[in-house]
Protein backbone atom coordinates (compact mmCIF):
# COMPACT_ATOMS: atom_id res chain seq x y z
CA MET A 1 146.87 65.55 -21.46
CA ASP A 2 146.36 66.90 -24.79
CA GLU A 3 146.51 63.44 -25.99
CA GLY A 4 143.76 62.32 -23.62
CA ILE A 5 141.45 65.10 -24.78
CA ASN A 6 142.16 64.33 -28.38
CA LYS A 7 141.45 60.72 -27.75
CA GLN A 8 138.14 61.55 -26.06
CA GLU A 9 137.22 63.84 -28.90
CA LYS A 10 138.07 61.13 -31.40
CA ASP A 11 136.02 58.60 -29.46
CA PHE A 12 133.16 61.07 -29.16
CA SER A 13 133.25 61.98 -32.85
CA SER A 14 133.65 58.35 -33.87
CA ASN A 15 130.81 57.44 -31.52
CA PHE A 16 128.76 60.31 -32.96
CA LEU A 17 129.50 59.26 -36.53
CA THR A 18 128.53 55.73 -35.73
CA ARG A 19 125.18 56.79 -34.25
CA THR A 20 124.53 59.09 -37.19
CA THR A 21 125.49 56.38 -39.62
CA ILE A 22 123.24 53.90 -37.82
CA ARG A 23 120.33 56.36 -37.88
CA GLU A 24 120.87 57.03 -41.58
CA ALA A 25 121.17 53.32 -42.26
CA ASN A 26 117.97 52.63 -40.27
CA HIS A 27 116.19 55.40 -42.12
CA HIS A 28 117.45 54.01 -45.41
CA LEU A 29 116.29 50.50 -44.43
CA GLN A 30 112.86 51.84 -43.47
CA MET A 31 112.59 53.57 -46.83
CA LEU A 32 113.65 50.37 -48.60
CA HIS A 33 111.13 48.36 -46.58
CA LYS A 34 108.39 50.87 -47.39
CA HIS A 35 109.32 50.83 -51.07
CA ASN A 36 109.41 47.01 -51.00
CA GLN A 37 105.90 46.92 -49.51
CA GLU A 38 104.66 49.34 -52.19
CA LEU A 39 106.18 47.14 -54.89
CA GLU A 40 104.59 44.03 -53.33
CA GLN A 41 101.22 45.81 -53.37
CA ILE A 42 101.72 46.74 -57.01
CA VAL A 43 102.68 43.13 -57.84
CA GLY A 44 99.60 41.89 -55.93
CA LYS A 45 97.34 44.26 -57.88
CA GLN A 46 98.96 43.20 -61.13
CA LYS A 47 98.42 39.53 -60.24
CA GLU A 48 94.74 40.21 -59.58
CA GLU A 49 94.43 42.18 -62.83
CA LEU A 50 96.19 39.37 -64.68
CA LYS A 51 93.82 36.77 -63.17
CA HIS A 52 90.86 38.95 -64.15
CA LYS A 53 92.21 39.40 -67.67
CA ASP A 54 92.87 35.65 -67.91
CA SER A 55 89.26 34.91 -66.93
CA ILE A 56 88.04 37.47 -69.47
CA TYR A 57 90.30 35.85 -72.08
CA VAL A 58 88.87 32.39 -71.29
CA GLU A 59 85.32 33.73 -71.59
CA LEU A 60 86.13 35.47 -74.87
CA PHE A 61 87.86 32.34 -76.17
CA LYS A 62 84.78 30.23 -75.36
CA ALA A 63 82.50 32.82 -76.95
CA ASN A 64 84.75 32.86 -80.01
CA GLN A 65 84.54 29.07 -80.27
CA LEU A 66 80.75 29.23 -80.03
CA LEU A 67 80.67 31.87 -82.74
CA GLU A 68 82.98 29.80 -84.95
CA ASN A 69 80.71 26.77 -84.50
CA HIS A 70 77.69 28.90 -85.31
CA CYS A 71 79.47 30.25 -88.41
CA GLN A 72 80.25 26.68 -89.50
CA GLN A 73 76.59 25.71 -89.08
CA LEU A 74 75.51 28.78 -91.03
CA LYS A 75 78.02 27.96 -93.76
CA ILE A 76 76.68 24.40 -94.01
CA LEU A 77 73.14 25.77 -94.15
CA LEU A 78 74.17 28.31 -96.78
CA ASP A 79 75.83 25.61 -98.89
CA ASP A 80 72.71 23.44 -98.64
CA ARG A 81 70.44 26.30 -99.61
CA THR A 82 72.77 27.28 -102.44
CA ARG A 83 72.56 23.74 -103.84
CA ARG A 84 68.78 23.74 -103.47
CA LEU A 85 68.59 27.15 -105.15
CA GLN A 86 70.65 25.86 -108.07
CA VAL A 87 68.26 22.91 -108.44
CA PHE A 88 65.29 25.27 -108.37
CA GLU A 89 66.96 27.56 -110.91
CA ARG A 90 67.52 24.60 -113.27
CA LYS A 91 63.88 23.54 -112.85
CA GLU A 92 62.74 27.13 -113.41
CA ARG A 93 64.77 27.33 -116.65
CA LEU A 94 63.25 24.04 -117.79
CA PHE A 95 59.73 25.27 -117.00
CA ARG A 96 60.41 28.58 -118.76
CA GLU A 97 61.67 26.75 -121.85
CA THR A 98 58.62 24.47 -121.70
CA ILE A 99 56.32 27.47 -121.51
CA GLU A 100 58.12 29.04 -124.47
CA LEU A 101 57.67 25.78 -126.38
CA LYS A 102 54.03 25.35 -125.30
CA PRO A 103 52.54 26.71 -128.56
CA ALA A 104 54.76 24.39 -130.62
CA ILE A 105 53.90 21.44 -128.36
CA GLU A 106 50.17 22.20 -128.62
CA SER A 107 50.49 22.43 -132.41
CA LEU A 108 52.35 19.11 -132.47
CA LEU A 109 49.63 17.55 -130.31
CA ASP A 110 46.97 18.84 -132.71
CA VAL A 111 48.82 17.29 -135.63
CA LEU A 112 49.22 14.00 -133.77
CA ASN A 113 45.54 14.00 -132.80
CA THR A 114 44.61 14.64 -136.41
CA PHE A 115 46.79 11.75 -137.57
CA GLU A 116 45.31 9.56 -134.87
CA LYS A 117 41.77 10.43 -135.96
CA GLU A 118 42.65 9.78 -139.59
CA ASP A 119 44.30 6.50 -138.65
CA SER A 120 41.30 5.44 -136.62
CA ILE A 121 38.97 6.37 -139.51
CA LEU A 122 41.17 4.50 -141.98
CA LEU A 123 41.42 1.58 -139.60
CA SER A 124 37.70 1.53 -139.16
CA ILE A 125 37.18 1.69 -142.93
CA SER A 126 39.69 -1.07 -143.55
CA MET A 127 38.09 -3.16 -140.81
CA GLN A 128 34.71 -2.70 -142.44
CA SER A 129 36.23 -3.61 -145.79
CA LEU A 130 37.78 -6.72 -144.33
CA GLN A 131 34.51 -7.69 -142.74
CA THR A 132 32.72 -7.18 -146.01
CA VAL A 133 35.31 -9.21 -147.89
CA ASN A 134 35.15 -11.94 -145.27
CA GLN A 135 31.38 -12.03 -145.45
CA LYS A 136 31.52 -12.33 -149.22
CA LYS A 137 34.06 -15.14 -148.96
CA ASN A 138 31.91 -16.88 -146.43
CA MET A 139 28.91 -16.54 -148.70
CA ASN A 140 30.88 -17.86 -151.65
CA ILE A 141 32.03 -20.81 -149.62
CA VAL A 142 28.48 -21.47 -148.54
CA HIS A 143 27.23 -21.19 -152.16
CA LYS A 144 29.94 -23.49 -153.44
CA THR A 145 29.20 -26.13 -150.87
CA ASP A 146 25.54 -25.89 -151.73
CA THR A 147 26.22 -26.54 -155.37
CA VAL A 148 28.37 -29.46 -154.80
């Protein structure tokens, strides 16, 4: 009989341990399921944040490209204006040198005008002399033909 009681006690305790173990296992599974759901929510949020950050990145990338294009256009404009400025600076130096040389140029023009006036006077005198000589020759020719 002792053996029968011991066997019942063993069955009861083994049955009790099995129920307790099942309850603990169920509780553990529930906790794992709950933790899994929390992790899935975190992953979902991270996916959304990543999508949002990706869209922000795309917008920033496009804005950066626009800015780079604008910078290129400004650089081209700057290069053009730099070349034009260099041309203007060369012209300005030339004008400044011309202005510095203006008194010498005016003096040279005065000298040239004086020479031109003298040449025209001399030319006019020599023309008159030639005309006079030609007239005298013509008169001599006329006189010689008359005498013959």
